[in-house]
Protein backbone atom coordinates (compact mmCIF):
# COMPACT_ATOMS: atom_id res chain seq x y z
CA MET A 1 -9.88 69.75 54.72
CA LYS A 2 -6.74 71.25 53.18
CA THR A 3 -3.36 71.00 54.68
CA HIS A 4 -1.30 74.08 55.50
CA ALA A 5 0.88 73.34 52.44
CA GLU A 6 -2.16 73.10 50.20
CA ALA A 7 -3.63 76.35 51.51
CA GLY A 8 -0.34 78.08 50.85
CA LEU A 9 -0.11 76.64 47.37
CA LEU A 10 -3.65 77.78 46.52
CA ALA A 11 -2.92 81.27 47.81
CA LYS A 12 0.18 81.40 45.62
CA ILE A 13 -1.76 80.33 42.57
CA ALA A 14 -4.45 82.91 43.29
CA GLN A 15 -1.84 85.67 43.67
CA MET A 16 0.11 84.57 40.56
CA THR A 17 -2.98 84.39 38.35
CA HIS A 18 -4.82 87.37 39.85
CA THR A 19 -7.78 85.11 40.64
CA PRO A 20 -9.93 85.18 43.77
CA ILE A 21 -8.84 82.43 46.27
CA TYR A 22 -12.41 81.10 46.34
CA ASP A 23 -12.30 80.40 42.56
CA VAL A 24 -8.90 78.68 42.88
CA GLU A 25 -10.17 76.56 45.77
CA MET A 26 -13.23 75.48 43.79
CA ALA A 27 -11.20 74.67 40.71
CA TYR A 28 -8.60 72.72 42.81
CA ASP A 29 -11.30 70.72 44.51
CA ALA A 30 -12.95 69.88 41.17
CA ALA A 31 -9.56 68.90 39.74
CA CYS A 32 -8.77 66.67 42.71
CA ASP A 33 -12.18 64.95 42.42
CA ASP A 34 -11.71 64.39 38.72
CA LEU A 35 -8.21 62.97 39.15
CA ARG A 36 -9.25 60.70 42.03
CA LYS A 37 -11.80 58.85 39.86
CA ASP A 38 -9.21 56.97 37.91
CA ALA A 39 -6.12 57.28 40.07
CA LYS A 40 -4.36 54.09 41.15
CA SER A 41 -2.16 56.09 43.49
CA GLN A 42 -3.27 59.10 45.49
CA ASP A 43 0.23 60.45 46.16
CA TYR A 44 0.53 62.93 43.29
CA ILE A 45 -3.07 64.10 43.02
CA PRO A 46 -2.35 67.47 44.79
CA LEU A 47 0.56 68.16 42.41
CA PHE A 48 -1.41 67.34 39.23
CA ALA A 49 -4.47 69.24 40.44
CA ALA A 50 -2.33 72.34 41.21
CA LYS A 51 -0.70 72.16 37.79
CA ARG A 52 -4.11 71.78 36.14
CA VAL A 53 -5.58 74.73 38.00
CA THR A 54 -2.58 76.96 37.33
CA ALA A 55 -2.65 76.18 33.63
CA HIS A 56 -6.40 76.87 33.48
CA PHE A 57 -6.19 80.26 35.11
CA MET A 58 -2.99 81.26 33.24
CA LYS A 59 -4.71 80.35 29.96
CA ALA A 60 -7.78 82.37 30.96
CA ALA A 61 -5.56 85.37 31.86
CA VAL A 62 -4.08 85.40 28.37
CA ARG A 63 -7.39 85.72 26.68
């Protein structure tokens, strides 16, 4: 379950990258799962996942 802040962040990423919110949510969830595997601290996972998703969709938009 996403917090209000996460939902707002994902909506902002979707708007900024012109990507459907569903695709952004799926990519964000996958990034969080991937980062949690080896994380010693869970504090910054949402930040790093958001950065990863934003970079992915920005890179895809350039192509």
